[in-house]
Amino acid sequence: MVGPHPAEAALRRAVRDSLADLDDDALVLVACSGGADSLALAAGLAFVAPRHGLRAGAVVVDHALQAGSDDVAGRAARQCRDLGLDPVVVERVRVGTAGGPEAAARTARYDALERAARDLGAQAVLLGHTRDDQAETVLLGLGRGSGARSLAGMAPRRGPWRRPILGLRRRDTEAVCSARGLDPWTDPTNLLPADSRAGVPRRTQVRHVVVPVLEDVLGPGAVDALARSADLLRDDADLLDALADELGTRAERPTDLPGGVALDTAALAEAPRPLRRRVLRAAARRAGCPAGSLSLRHVEAMDDLVVDWHGQKPLDLPGGVAAARRCGTLVLGPPRA
């Protein structure tokens, strides 16, 4: 008897390992766009789940950004049903503008997935990110001058989200689809036009321009090396975040400012700068600064209010948040009237 294709066997093992801690009869959903990565993952989940006492379904998100997107979503849903997944739901979303097109689409997508998981009572949602996606994420972070948390890339598991195939390459998911006779959809935004890169998403350009150059110069192991760096940085970032959470708890003080956050500057000043700045960034987000909007300049200015206080005026932060020092306390929130 001929066994599964090696890539399919590896994918099934990855899915099985990712689900090992779930309760019996738990519902697991896969986010499926119909592309090779998520379609291969859907096939792997459909195989593994019933053999381990789990139920398996799928969520297809229609971003409604391209003509015929409803047809693409319907096709992906039918493919998931043909694989034996049930329930299969299609979530049509309205994509906003905050943070740019890619960030806005990502926000809408995750909101829809979270809503579907809650409504259906799912314990986990599987996402089809591969090792190639991880390497691209690291490169994009490097291009922005990001810190360790961003360069740590995507976590294999965070909350309900699980990424079983971060250890597999894109060519592996394509091989699975070929072996199973699955016909994946190709998102046109993932293709690089021959004539011009104008308007092409930055990730697509990294995928088709930057990564091939790195592999040509550094060798075919460049993608794996970038992903390994992310793994190493994630361990460090997780530890620093945990220590920063403890510091934030010790430093927090009550405030009568609605939606505000107050921190004791003496407690912060005693802490190492990496921990202190993590606390300040987290406090700003809690006070209403949009995710991804805080720059290093903002964090440094808040840090100066703590360790280089000389009567500075309040800071204007993104999202209409103000940061001001009063009587040894740093207060972040809506400006006081």
C-alpha atoms as a PDB file:
ATOM      1  CA  MET A   1       0.000   0.000   0.000  1.00  0.00           C
ATOM      2  CA  VAL A   2       1.392   3.377  -1.035  1.00  0.00           C
ATOM      3  CA  GLY A   3       1.536   5.929   1.782  1.00  0.00           C
ATOM      4  CA  PRO A   4       0.866   9.669   1.567  1.00  0.00           C
ATOM      5  CA  HIS A   5       3.201  12.053  -0.186  1.00  0.00           C
ATOM      6  CA  PRO A   6       6.084  13.025   2.175  1.00  0.00           C
ATOM      7  CA  ALA A   7       4.880  16.619   2.296  1.00  0.00           C
ATOM      8  CA  GLU A   8       1.374  15.465   3.205  1.00  0.00           C
ATOM      9  CA  ALA A   9       2.711  13.168   5.907  1.00  0.00           C
ATOM     10  CA  ALA A  10       4.721  16.060   7.384  1.00  0.00           C
ATOM     11  CA  LEU A  11       1.693  18.341   7.304  1.00  0.00           C
ATOM     12  CA  ARG A  12      -0.503  15.767   9.023  1.00  0.00           C
ATOM     13  CA  ARG A  13       2.091  15.320  11.782  1.00  0.00           C
ATOM     14  CA  ALA A  14       2.270  19.074  12.260  1.00  0.00           C
ATOM     15  CA  VAL A  15      -1.521  19.349  12.553  1.00  0.00           C
ATOM     16  CA  ARG A  16      -1.717  16.413  14.942  1.00  0.00           C
ATOM     17  CA  ASP A  17       0.965  17.893  17.201  1.00  0.00           C
ATOM     18  CA  SER A  18      -0.758  21.272  17.192  1.00  0.00           C
ATOM     19  CA  LEU A  19      -4.058  19.776  18.362  1.00  0.00           C
ATOM     20  CA  ALA A  20      -2.737  17.314  20.925  1.00  0.00           C
ATOM     21  CA  ASP A  21      -3.886  19.322  23.951  1.00  0.00           C
ATOM     22  CA  LEU A  22      -7.504  19.900  22.910  1.00  0.00           C
ATOM     23  CA  ASP A  23     -10.508  18.376  24.660  1.00  0.00           C
ATOM     24  CA  ASP A  24     -12.276  15.376  23.175  1.00  0.00           C
ATOM     25  CA  ASP A  25     -14.965  16.399  20.685  1.00  0.00           C
ATOM     26  CA  ALA A  26     -13.590  19.952  20.521  1.00  0.00           C
ATOM     27  CA  LEU A  27     -14.361  21.925  17.383  1.00  0.00           C
ATOM     28  CA  VAL A  28     -11.355  23.141  15.408  1.00  0.00           C
ATOM     29  CA  LEU A  29     -11.734  25.627  12.567  1.00  0.00           C
ATOM     30  CA  VAL A  30      -9.339  26.282   9.706  1.00  0.00           C
ATOM     31  CA  ALA A  31      -9.197  29.693   8.052  1.00  0.00           C
ATOM     32  CA  CYS A  32      -9.303  28.894   4.349  1.00  0.00           C
ATOM     33  CA  SER A  33      -8.904  31.370   1.489  1.00  0.00           C
ATOM     34  CA  GLY A  34      -8.725  28.649  -1.136  1.00  0.00           C
ATOM     35  CA  GLY A  35      -5.001  29.273  -1.655  1.00  0.00           C
ATOM     36  CA  ALA A  36      -2.498  26.424  -1.565  1.00  0.00           C
ATOM     37  CA  ASP A  37      -1.380  26.974   2.027  1.00  0.00           C
ATOM     38  CA  SER A  38      -4.806  27.100   3.658  1.00  0.00           C
ATOM     39  CA  LEU A  39      -6.303  24.465   1.349  1.00  0.00           C
ATOM     40  CA  ALA A  40      -3.527  22.003   2.172  1.00  0.00           C
ATOM     41  CA  LEU A  41      -4.038  22.778   5.864  1.00  0.00           C
ATOM     42  CA  ALA A  42      -7.779  22.180   5.491  1.00  0.00           C
ATOM     43  CA  ALA A  43      -7.049  18.782   3.954  1.00  0.00           C
ATOM     44  CA  GLY A  44      -4.688  17.951   6.800  1.00  0.00           C
ATOM     45  CA  LEU A  45      -7.242  18.949   9.433  1.00  0.00           C
ATOM     46  CA  ALA A  46      -9.975  16.941   7.702  1.00  0.00           C
ATOM     47  CA  PHE A  47      -7.737  13.869   7.910  1.00  0.00           C
ATOM     48  CA  VAL A  48      -6.406  14.305  11.449  1.00  0.00           C
ATOM     49  CA  ALA A  49      -9.418  15.592  13.409  1.00  0.00           C
ATOM     50  CA  PRO A  50     -11.790  12.592  13.201  1.00  0.00           C
ATOM     51  CA  ARG A  51      -8.931  10.217  13.968  1.00  0.00           C
ATOM     52  CA  HIS A  52      -8.275  12.033  17.232  1.00  0.00           C
ATOM     53  CA  GLY A  53     -11.826  12.565  18.453  1.00  0.00           C
ATOM     54  CA  LEU A  54     -12.140  16.149  17.220  1.00  0.00           C
ATOM     55  CA  ARG A  55     -14.641  17.978  15.037  1.00  0.00           C
ATOM     56  CA  ALA A  56     -13.357  20.070  12.157  1.00  0.00           C
ATOM     57  CA  GLY A  57     -14.850  23.019  10.294  1.00  0.00           C
ATOM     58  CA  ALA A  58     -13.731  25.959   8.213  1.00  0.00           C
ATOM     59  CA  VAL A  59     -14.184  29.716   7.945  1.00  0.00           C
ATOM     60  CA  VAL A  60     -13.796  31.475   4.607  1.00  0.00           C
ATOM     61  CA  VAL A  61     -13.419  35.251   4.796  1.00  0.00           C
ATOM     62  CA  ASP A  62     -14.563  37.282   1.808  1.00  0.00           C
ATOM     63  CA  HIS A  63     -12.815  40.655   1.970  1.00  0.00           C
ATOM     64  CA  ALA A  64     -14.918  41.965  -0.950  1.00  0.00           C
ATOM     65  CA  LEU A  65     -11.894  43.837  -2.306  1.00  0.00           C
ATOM     66  CA  GLN A  66     -11.773  42.229  -5.750  1.00  0.00           C
ATOM     67  CA  ALA A  67     -14.364  41.634  -8.419  1.00  0.00           C
ATOM     68  CA  GLY A  68     -15.719  38.109  -8.091  1.00  0.00           C
ATOM     69  CA  SER A  69     -14.533  37.718  -4.509  1.00  0.00           C
ATOM     70  CA  ASP A  70     -17.846  36.088  -3.593  1.00  0.00           C
ATOM     71  CA  ASP A  71     -17.249  33.416  -6.243  1.00  0.00           C
ATOM     72  CA  VAL A  72     -13.756  32.776  -4.875  1.00  0.00           C
ATOM     73  CA  ALA A  73     -15.136  32.456  -1.344  1.00  0.00           C
ATOM     74  CA  GLY A  74     -17.923  30.149  -2.481  1.00  0.00           C
ATOM     75  CA  ARG A  75     -15.458  27.930  -4.303  1.00  0.00           C
ATOM     76  CA  ALA A  76     -13.206  27.692  -1.242  1.00  0.00           C
ATOM     77  CA  ALA A  77     -16.225  26.809   0.917  1.00  0.00           C
ATOM     78  CA  ARG A  78     -17.243  24.033  -1.479  1.00  0.00           C
ATOM     79  CA  GLN A  79     -13.714  22.630  -1.455  1.00  0.00           C
ATOM     80  CA  CYS A  80     -13.754  22.559   2.345  1.00  0.00           C
ATOM     81  CA  ARG A  81     -17.109  20.758   2.367  1.00  0.00           C
ATOM     82  CA  ASP A  82     -15.822  18.266  -0.195  1.00  0.00           C
ATOM     83  CA  LEU A  83     -12.960  17.512   2.189  1.00  0.00           C
ATOM     84  CA  GLY A  84     -15.535  16.618   4.849  1.00  0.00           C
ATOM     85  CA  LEU A  85     -15.312  19.747   6.980  1.00  0.00           C
ATOM     86  CA  ASP A  86     -18.486  20.782   8.775  1.00  0.00           C
ATOM     87  CA  PRO A  87     -19.500  23.438   9.643  1.00  0.00           C
ATOM     88  CA  VAL A  88     -18.194  25.656   6.863  1.00  0.00           C
ATOM     89  CA  VAL A  89     -19.132  29.330   7.036  1.00  0.00           C
ATOM     90  CA  VAL A  90     -18.397  32.272   4.767  1.00  0.00           C
ATOM     91  CA  GLU A  91     -17.864  35.617   6.495  1.00  0.00           C
ATOM     92  CA  ARG A  92     -18.148  38.686   4.261  1.00  0.00           C
ATOM     93  CA  VAL A  93     -16.389  41.668   5.804  1.00  0.00           C
ATOM     94  CA  ARG A  94     -16.054  45.374   5.221  1.00  0.00           C
ATOM     95  CA  VAL A  95     -12.406  46.413   5.146  1.00  0.00           C
ATOM     96  CA  GLY A  96     -11.619  49.817   6.626  1.00  0.00           C
ATOM     97  CA  THR A  97      -8.657  52.076   6.005  1.00  0.00           C
ATOM     98  CA  ALA A  98      -6.822  52.298   9.346  1.00  0.00           C
ATOM     99  CA  GLY A  99      -3.151  51.393   9.031  1.00  0.00           C
ATOM    100  CA  GLY A 100      -3.212  50.986   5.256  1.00  0.00           C
ATOM    101  CA  PRO A 101      -4.840  48.372   2.985  1.00  0.00           C
ATOM    102  CA  GLU A 102      -2.940  45.314   4.187  1.00  0.00           C
ATOM    103  CA  ALA A 103      -3.316  46.089   7.895  1.00  0.00           C
ATOM    104  CA  ALA A 104      -6.996  46.971   7.486  1.00  0.00           C
ATOM    105  CA  ALA A 105      -7.695  43.716   5.640  1.00  0.00           C
ATOM    106  CA  ARG A 106      -5.844  41.753   8.317  1.00  0.00           C
ATOM    107  CA  THR A 107      -7.839  43.427  11.095  1.00  0.00           C
ATOM    108  CA  ALA A 108     -11.137  42.682   9.348  1.00  0.00           C
ATOM    109  CA  ARG A 109     -10.099  39.083   8.728  1.00  0.00           C
ATOM    110  CA  TYR A 110      -9.083  38.341  12.302  1.00  0.00           C
ATOM    111  CA  ASP A 111     -12.213  40.012  13.652  1.00  0.00           C
ATOM    112  CA  ALA A 112     -14.325  37.764  11.409  1.00  0.00           C
ATOM    113  CA  LEU A 113     -12.407  34.638  12.427  1.00  0.00           C
ATOM    114  CA  GLU A 114     -12.724  35.502  16.111  1.00  0.00           C
ATOM    115  CA  ARG A 115     -16.445  36.116  15.711  1.00  0.00           C
ATOM    116  CA  ALA A 116     -16.965  32.817  13.896  1.00  0.00           C
ATOM    117  CA  ALA A 117     -14.975  30.896  16.494  1.00  0.00           C
ATOM    118  CA  ARG A 118     -17.041  32.430  19.280  1.00  0.00           C
ATOM    119  CA  ASP A 119     -20.370  31.822  17.552  1.00  0.00           C
ATOM    120  CA  LEU A 120     -19.518  28.211  16.710  1.00  0.00           C
ATOM    121  CA  GLY A 121     -17.860  27.420  20.031  1.00  0.00           C
ATOM    122  CA  ALA A 122     -14.501  26.484  18.523  1.00  0.00           C
ATOM    123  CA  GLN A 123     -11.511  25.864  20.788  1.00  0.00           C
ATOM    124  CA  ALA A 124      -8.901  26.690  18.147  1.00  0.00           C
ATOM    125  CA  VAL A 125      -8.518  28.310  14.734  1.00  0.00           C
ATOM    126  CA  LEU A 126      -5.764  27.066  12.434  1.00  0.00           C
ATOM    127  CA  LEU A 127      -3.944  29.557  10.216  1.00  0.00           C
ATOM    128  CA  GLY A 128      -1.995  28.501   7.138  1.00  0.00           C
ATOM    129  CA  HIS A 129       1.195  30.522   7.551  1.00  0.00           C
ATOM    130  CA  THR A 130       4.345  28.776   6.350  1.00  0.00           C
ATOM    131  CA  ARG A 131       8.063  29.169   6.907  1.00  0.00           C
ATOM    132  CA  ASP A 132       8.193  31.410   3.851  1.00  0.00           C
ATOM    133  CA  ASP A 133       5.582  33.709   5.413  1.00  0.00           C
ATOM    134  CA  GLN A 134       7.652  33.810   8.591  1.00  0.00           C
ATOM    135  CA  ALA A 135      10.804  34.813   6.718  1.00  0.00           C
ATOM    136  CA  GLU A 136       8.904  37.534   4.860  1.00  0.00           C
ATOM    137  CA  THR A 137       7.526  38.857   8.161  1.00  0.00           C
ATOM    138  CA  VAL A 138      11.044  39.108   9.599  1.00  0.00           C
ATOM    139  CA  LEU A 139      12.296  40.956   6.520  1.00  0.00           C
ATOM    140  CA  LEU A 140       9.392  43.401   6.642  1.00  0.00           C
ATOM    141  CA  GLY A 141      10.157  44.052  10.305  1.00  0.00           C
ATOM    142  CA  LEU A 142      13.823  44.662   9.524  1.00  0.00           C
ATOM    143  CA  GLY A 143      12.812  47.128   6.845  1.00  0.00           C
ATOM    144  CA  ARG A 144      10.759  49.079   9.391  1.00  0.00           C
ATOM    145  CA  GLY A 145      13.563  49.098  11.957  1.00  0.00           C
ATOM    146  CA  SER A 146      11.417  47.076  14.355  1.00  0.00           C
ATOM    147  CA  GLY A 147      12.332  45.673  17.743  1.00  0.00           C
ATOM    148  CA  ALA A 148      12.547  42.110  18.978  1.00  0.00           C
ATOM    149  CA  ARG A 149       8.782  41.499  19.258  1.00  0.00           C
ATOM    150  CA  SER A 150       8.152  42.321  15.615  1.00  0.00           C
ATOM    151  CA  LEU A 151      11.272  40.476  14.430  1.00  0.00           C
ATOM    152  CA  ALA A 152      10.094  37.441  16.404  1.00  0.00           C
ATOM    153  CA  GLY A 153       7.522  36.984  13.652  1.00  0.00           C
ATOM    154  CA  MET A 154       4.362  34.970  14.091  1.00  0.00           C
ATOM    155  CA  ALA A 155       3.936  32.738  17.123  1.00  0.00           C
ATOM    156  CA  PRO A 156       3.002  29.079  16.558  1.00  0.00           C
ATOM    157  CA  ARG A 157       0.273  29.558  19.156  1.00  0.00           C
ATOM    158  CA  ARG A 158      -1.312  32.630  20.688  1.00  0.00           C
ATOM    159  CA  GLY A 159      -4.792  32.595  22.170  1.00  0.00           C
ATOM    160  CA  PRO A 160      -7.140  30.697  19.827  1.00  0.00           C
ATOM    161  CA  TRP A 161      -4.752  31.027  16.871  1.00  0.00           C
ATOM    162  CA  ARG A 162      -2.558  28.088  15.928  1.00  0.00           C
ATOM    163  CA  ARG A 163      -0.118  27.939  13.036  1.00  0.00           C
ATOM    164  CA  PRO A 164       0.748  24.266  12.580  1.00  0.00           C
ATOM    165  CA  ILE A 165       2.688  24.607   9.336  1.00  0.00           C
ATOM    166  CA  LEU A 166       5.194  27.305  10.250  1.00  0.00           C
ATOM    167  CA  GLY A 167       7.826  24.596   9.854  1.00  0.00           C
ATOM    168  CA  LEU A 168       6.800  23.783   6.283  1.00  0.00           C
ATOM    169  CA  ARG A 169       7.710  25.627   3.109  1.00  0.00           C
ATOM    170  CA  ARG A 170       5.261  26.958   0.548  1.00  0.00           C
ATOM    171  CA  ARG A 171       6.463  24.337  -1.902  1.00  0.00           C
ATOM    172  CA  ASP A 172       5.310  21.680   0.590  1.00  0.00           C
ATOM    173  CA  THR A 173       1.723  22.946   0.641  1.00  0.00           C
ATOM    174  CA  GLU A 174       1.729  23.125  -3.153  1.00  0.00           C
ATOM    175  CA  ALA A 175       2.949  19.513  -3.232  1.00  0.00           C
ATOM    176  CA  VAL A 176       0.116  18.480  -0.886  1.00  0.00           C
ATOM    177  CA  CYS A 177      -2.478  20.113  -3.134  1.00  0.00           C
ATOM    178  CA  SER A 178      -0.994  18.400  -6.170  1.00  0.00           C
ATOM    179  CA  ALA A 179      -0.913  15.008  -4.443  1.00  0.00           C
ATOM    180  CA  ARG A 180      -4.536  15.354  -3.315  1.00  0.00           C
ATOM    181  CA  GLY A 181      -5.774  16.660  -6.670  1.00  0.00           C
ATOM    182  CA  LEU A 182      -6.811  19.969  -5.089  1.00  0.00           C
ATOM    183  CA  ASP A 183      -7.003  23.050  -7.284  1.00  0.00           C
ATOM    184  CA  PRO A 184      -5.901  26.067  -5.206  1.00  0.00           C
ATOM    185  CA  TRP A 185      -6.793  29.647  -6.007  1.00  0.00           C
ATOM    186  CA  THR A 186      -3.998  32.140  -6.712  1.00  0.00           C
ATOM    187  CA  ASP A 187      -4.584  35.571  -5.211  1.00  0.00           C
ATOM    188  CA  PRO A 188      -3.640  38.109  -7.889  1.00  0.00           C
ATOM    189  CA  THR A 189      -2.226  40.432  -5.221  1.00  0.00           C
ATOM    190  CA  ASN A 190       0.422  37.758  -4.553  1.00  0.00           C
ATOM    191  CA  LEU A 191       1.700  38.004  -8.130  1.00  0.00           C
ATOM    192  CA  LEU A 192       4.370  40.431  -9.312  1.00  0.00           C
ATOM    193  CA  PRO A 193       3.560  42.154 -12.614  1.00  0.00           C
ATOM    194  CA  ALA A 194       6.336  42.120 -15.189  1.00  0.00           C
ATOM    195  CA  ASP A 195       5.986  45.770 -16.146  1.00  0.00           C
ATOM    196  CA  SER A 196       5.711  47.702 -12.871  1.00  0.00           C
ATOM    197  CA  ARG A 197       5.706  47.210  -9.089  1.00  0.00           C
ATOM    198  CA  ALA A 198       3.559  50.286  -8.495  1.00  0.00           C
ATOM    199  CA  GLY A 199       0.731  49.480  -6.115  1.00  0.00           C
ATOM    200  CA  VAL A 200       1.996  45.943  -5.445  1.00  0.00           C
ATOM    201  CA  PRO A 201       1.789  45.005  -1.727  1.00  0.00           C
ATOM    202  CA  ARG A 202       5.135  45.223   0.019  1.00  0.00           C
ATOM    203  CA  ARG A 203       4.982  41.597   1.154  1.00  0.00           C
ATOM    204  CA  THR A 204       4.512  40.472  -2.451  1.00  0.00           C
ATOM    205  CA  GLN A 205       7.576  42.456  -3.483  1.00  0.00           C
ATOM    206  CA  VAL A 206       9.611  40.943  -0.649  1.00  0.00           C
ATOM    207  CA  ARG A 207       8.478  37.478  -1.737  1.00  0.00           C
ATOM    208  CA  HIS A 208       9.351  37.840  -5.398  1.00  0.00           C
ATOM    209  CA  VAL A 209      12.263  40.293  -5.319  1.00  0.00           C
ATOM    210  CA  VAL A 210      14.061  40.319  -1.964  1.00  0.00           C
ATOM    211  CA  VAL A 211      13.904  36.645  -0.969  1.00  0.00           C
ATOM    212  CA  PRO A 212      15.266  35.356  -4.316  1.00  0.00           C
ATOM    213  CA  VAL A 213      18.225  37.757  -4.031  1.00  0.00           C
ATOM    214  CA  LEU A 214      18.942  36.584  -0.477  1.00  0.00           C
ATOM    215  CA  GLU A 215      18.789  32.948  -1.533  1.00  0.00           C
ATOM    216  CA  ASP A 216      21.050  33.663  -4.499  1.00  0.00           C
ATOM    217  CA  VAL A 217      23.647  35.467  -2.383  1.00  0.00           C
ATOM    218  CA  LEU A 218      23.375  33.622   0.961  1.00  0.00           C
ATOM    219  CA  GLY A 219      22.261  30.243  -0.294  1.00  0.00           C
ATOM    220  CA  PRO A 220      18.997  28.279  -0.310  1.00  0.00           C
ATOM    221  CA  GLY A 221      18.923  28.143   3.495  1.00  0.00           C
ATOM    222  CA  ALA A 222      18.226  31.868   3.862  1.00  0.00           C
ATOM    223  CA  VAL A 223      14.498  31.401   4.505  1.00  0.00           C
ATOM    224  CA  ASP A 224      15.115  28.760   7.166  1.00  0.00           C
ATOM    225  CA  ALA A 225      17.774  30.960   8.789  1.00  0.00           C
ATOM    226  CA  LEU A 226      15.409  33.928   8.998  1.00  0.00           C
ATOM    227  CA  ALA A 227      12.717  31.738  10.555  1.00  0.00           C
ATOM    228  CA  ARG A 228      15.215  30.384  13.091  1.00  0.00           C
ATOM    229  CA  SER A 229      16.152  33.920  14.047  1.00  0.00           C
ATOM    230  CA  ALA A 230      12.470  34.633  14.661  1.00  0.00           C
ATOM    231  CA  ASP A 231      12.220  31.580  16.932  1.00  0.00           C
ATOM    232  CA  LEU A 232      15.236  32.691  18.978  1.00  0.00           C
ATOM    233  CA  LEU A 233      14.013  36.272  19.279  1.00  0.00           C
ATOM    234  CA  ARG A 234      10.532  35.114  20.278  1.00  0.00           C
ATOM    235  CA  ASP A 235      11.900  33.308  23.326  1.00  0.00           C
ATOM    236  CA  ASP A 236      13.744  36.458  24.398  1.00  0.00           C
ATOM    237  CA  ALA A 237      10.765  38.711  23.664  1.00  0.00           C
ATOM    238  CA  ASP A 238       8.406  36.449  25.605  1.00  0.00           C
ATOM    239  CA  LEU A 239      10.648  36.638  28.667  1.00  0.00           C
ATOM    240  CA  LEU A 240      11.008  40.420  28.431  1.00  0.00           C
ATOM    241  CA  ASP A 241       7.252  40.826  27.990  1.00  0.00           C
ATOM    242  CA  ALA A 242       6.566  38.700  31.064  1.00  0.00           C
ATOM    243  CA  LEU A 243       9.003  40.753  33.150  1.00  0.00           C
ATOM    244  CA  ALA A 244       7.485  43.956  31.778  1.00  0.00           C
ATOM    245  CA  ASP A 245       4.007  42.775  32.773  1.00  0.00           C
ATOM    246  CA  GLU A 246       5.233  42.312  36.345  1.00  0.00           C
ATOM    247  CA  LEU A 247       6.805  45.772  36.317  1.00  0.00           C
ATOM    248  CA  GLY A 248       3.635  47.327  34.912  1.00  0.00           C
ATOM    249  CA  THR A 249       1.556  45.751  37.651  1.00  0.00           C
ATOM    250  CA  ARG A 250       3.895  47.110  40.357  1.00  0.00           C
ATOM    251  CA  ALA A 251       4.022  50.572  38.808  1.00  0.00           C
ATOM    252  CA  GLU A 252       0.308  51.063  38.080  1.00  0.00           C
ATOM    253  CA  ARG A 253      -1.537  53.593  40.191  1.00  0.00           C
ATOM    254  CA  PRO A 254      -5.240  54.538  40.384  1.00  0.00           C
ATOM    255  CA  THR A 255      -6.481  57.428  38.261  1.00  0.00           C
ATOM    256  CA  ASP A 256      -9.773  59.282  37.946  1.00  0.00           C
ATOM    257  CA  LEU A 257      -9.215  59.883  34.236  1.00  0.00           C
ATOM    258  CA  PRO A 258     -11.774  57.794  32.282  1.00  0.00           C
ATOM    259  CA  GLY A 259      -9.928  55.294  30.132  1.00  0.00           C
ATOM    260  CA  GLY A 260      -6.631  56.505  31.530  1.00  0.00           C
ATOM    261  CA  VAL A 261      -3.565  54.655  32.791  1.00  0.00           C
ATOM    262  CA  ALA A 262      -1.359  55.983  35.606  1.00  0.00           C
ATOM    263  CA  LEU A 263       2.169  54.757  36.369  1.00  0.00           C
ATOM    264  CA  ASP A 264       4.538  55.529  39.223  1.00  0.00           C
ATOM    265  CA  THR A 265       7.621  57.121  37.657  1.00  0.00           C
ATOM    266  CA  ALA A 266       9.947  56.107  40.507  1.00  0.00           C
ATOM    267  CA  ALA A 267       9.114  52.421  40.012  1.00  0.00           C
ATOM    268  CA  LEU A 268       9.672  52.761  36.276  1.00  0.00           C
ATOM    269  CA  ALA A 269      12.915  54.715  36.584  1.00  0.00           C
ATOM    270  CA  GLU A 270      14.530  51.937  38.627  1.00  0.00           C
ATOM    271  CA  ALA A 271      13.857  49.353  35.916  1.00  0.00           C
ATOM    272  CA  PRO A 272      16.100  48.500  32.954  1.00  0.00           C
ATOM    273  CA  ARG A 273      15.241  50.515  29.874  1.00  0.00           C
ATOM    274  CA  PRO A 274      13.982  47.556  27.765  1.00  0.00           C
ATOM    275  CA  LEU A 275      11.409  46.682  30.434  1.00  0.00           C
ATOM    276  CA  ARG A 276      10.442  50.282  31.106  1.00  0.00           C
ATOM    277  CA  ARG A 277       9.820  51.022  27.453  1.00  0.00           C
ATOM    278  CA  ARG A 278       7.719  47.908  27.054  1.00  0.00           C
ATOM    279  CA  VAL A 279       5.551  49.078  29.950  1.00  0.00           C
ATOM    280  CA  LEU A 280       5.194  52.520  28.393  1.00  0.00           C
ATOM    281  CA  ARG A 281       4.232  51.113  25.002  1.00  0.00           C
ATOM    282  CA  ALA A 282       1.654  48.773  26.561  1.00  0.00           C
ATOM    283  CA  ALA A 283       0.208  51.578  28.688  1.00  0.00           C
ATOM    284  CA  ALA A 284      -0.169  53.823  25.650  1.00  0.00           C
ATOM    285  CA  ARG A 285      -2.071  51.091  23.808  1.00  0.00           C
ATOM    286  CA  ARG A 286      -4.338  50.560  26.824  1.00  0.00           C
ATOM    287  CA  ALA A 287      -5.006  54.291  26.912  1.00  0.00           C
ATOM    288  CA  GLY A 288      -6.201  54.271  23.318  1.00  0.00           C
ATOM    289  CA  CYS A 289      -3.214  54.513  20.968  1.00  0.00           C
ATOM    290  CA  PRO A 290      -3.983  52.393  17.877  1.00  0.00           C
ATOM    291  CA  ALA A 291      -1.898  49.246  17.509  1.00  0.00           C
ATOM    292  CA  GLY A 292       1.120  49.836  15.304  1.00  0.00           C
ATOM    293  CA  SER A 293       0.871  53.624  15.504  1.00  0.00           C
ATOM    294  CA  LEU A 294       3.446  54.201  18.227  1.00  0.00           C
ATOM    295  CA  SER A 295       6.910  54.968  16.863  1.00  0.00           C
ATOM    296  CA  LEU A 296      10.235  54.833  18.677  1.00  0.00           C
ATOM    297  CA  ARG A 297      10.095  58.626  18.842  1.00  0.00           C
ATOM    298  CA  HIS A 298       6.848  58.437  20.842  1.00  0.00           C
ATOM    299  CA  VAL A 299       8.243  55.857  23.251  1.00  0.00           C
ATOM    300  CA  GLU A 300      11.475  57.809  23.758  1.00  0.00           C
ATOM    301  CA  ALA A 301       9.499  60.966  24.533  1.00  0.00           C
ATOM    302  CA  MET A 302       7.437  59.084  27.142  1.00  0.00           C
ATOM    303  CA  ASP A 303      10.625  57.632  28.569  1.00  0.00           C
ATOM    304  CA  ASP A 304      12.054  61.139  28.937  1.00  0.00           C
ATOM    305  CA  LEU A 305       9.062  62.046  31.098  1.00  0.00           C
ATOM    306  CA  VAL A 306      10.192  59.269  33.440  1.00  0.00           C
ATOM    307  CA  VAL A 307      14.004  59.483  33.501  1.00  0.00           C
ATOM    308  CA  ASP A 308      14.757  62.983  32.180  1.00  0.00           C
ATOM    309  CA  TRP A 309      12.033  65.078  33.746  1.00  0.00           C
ATOM    310  CA  HIS A 310      12.569  68.832  33.490  1.00  0.00           C
ATOM    311  CA  GLY A 311       9.034  70.151  33.309  1.00  0.00           C
ATOM    312  CA  GLN A 312       8.124  69.044  29.795  1.00  0.00           C
ATOM    313  CA  LYS A 313       4.662  69.821  28.495  1.00  0.00           C
ATOM    314  CA  PRO A 314       2.218  66.909  27.879  1.00  0.00           C
ATOM    315  CA  LEU A 315       2.864  64.736  24.840  1.00  0.00           C
ATOM    316  CA  ASP A 316       0.404  64.275  21.999  1.00  0.00           C
ATOM    317  CA  LEU A 317       0.300  60.580  21.080  1.00  0.00           C
ATOM    318  CA  PRO A 318      -1.566  58.812  18.257  1.00  0.00           C
ATOM    319  CA  GLY A 319      -5.273  58.241  18.715  1.00  0.00           C
ATOM    320  CA  GLY A 320      -5.836  61.483  20.590  1.00  0.00           C
ATOM    321  CA  VAL A 321      -3.994  60.203  23.686  1.00  0.00           C
ATOM    322  CA  ALA A 322      -2.008  62.562  25.888  1.00  0.00           C
ATOM    323  CA  ALA A 323       0.867  61.642  28.215  1.00  0.00           C
ATOM    324  CA  ALA A 324       1.670  63.975  31.103  1.00  0.00           C
ATOM    325  CA  ARG A 325       3.676  63.773  34.312  1.00  0.00           C
ATOM    326  CA  ARG A 326       2.058  65.033  37.489  1.00  0.00           C
ATOM    327  CA  CYS A 327       3.452  64.707  41.006  1.00  0.00           C
ATOM    328  CA  GLY A 328       5.634  61.706  40.215  1.00  0.00           C
ATOM    329  CA  THR A 329       2.922  59.928  38.211  1.00  0.00           C
ATOM    330  CA  LEU A 330       2.805  59.461  34.457  1.00  0.00           C
ATOM    331  CA  VAL A 331      -0.796  59.651  33.262  1.00  0.00           C
ATOM    332  CA  LEU A 332      -1.889  58.531  29.796  1.00  0.00           C
ATOM    333  CA  GLY A 333      -5.361  58.999  28.373  1.00  0.00           C
ATOM    334  CA  PRO A 334      -7.667  61.582  26.812  1.00  0.00           C
ATOM    335  CA  PRO A 335      -6.448  65.151  27.367  1.00  0.00           C
ATOM    336  CA  ARG A 336      -7.968  66.784  30.414  1.00  0.00           C
ATOM    337  CA  ALA A 337     -10.284  69.698  29.690  1.00  0.00           C
END
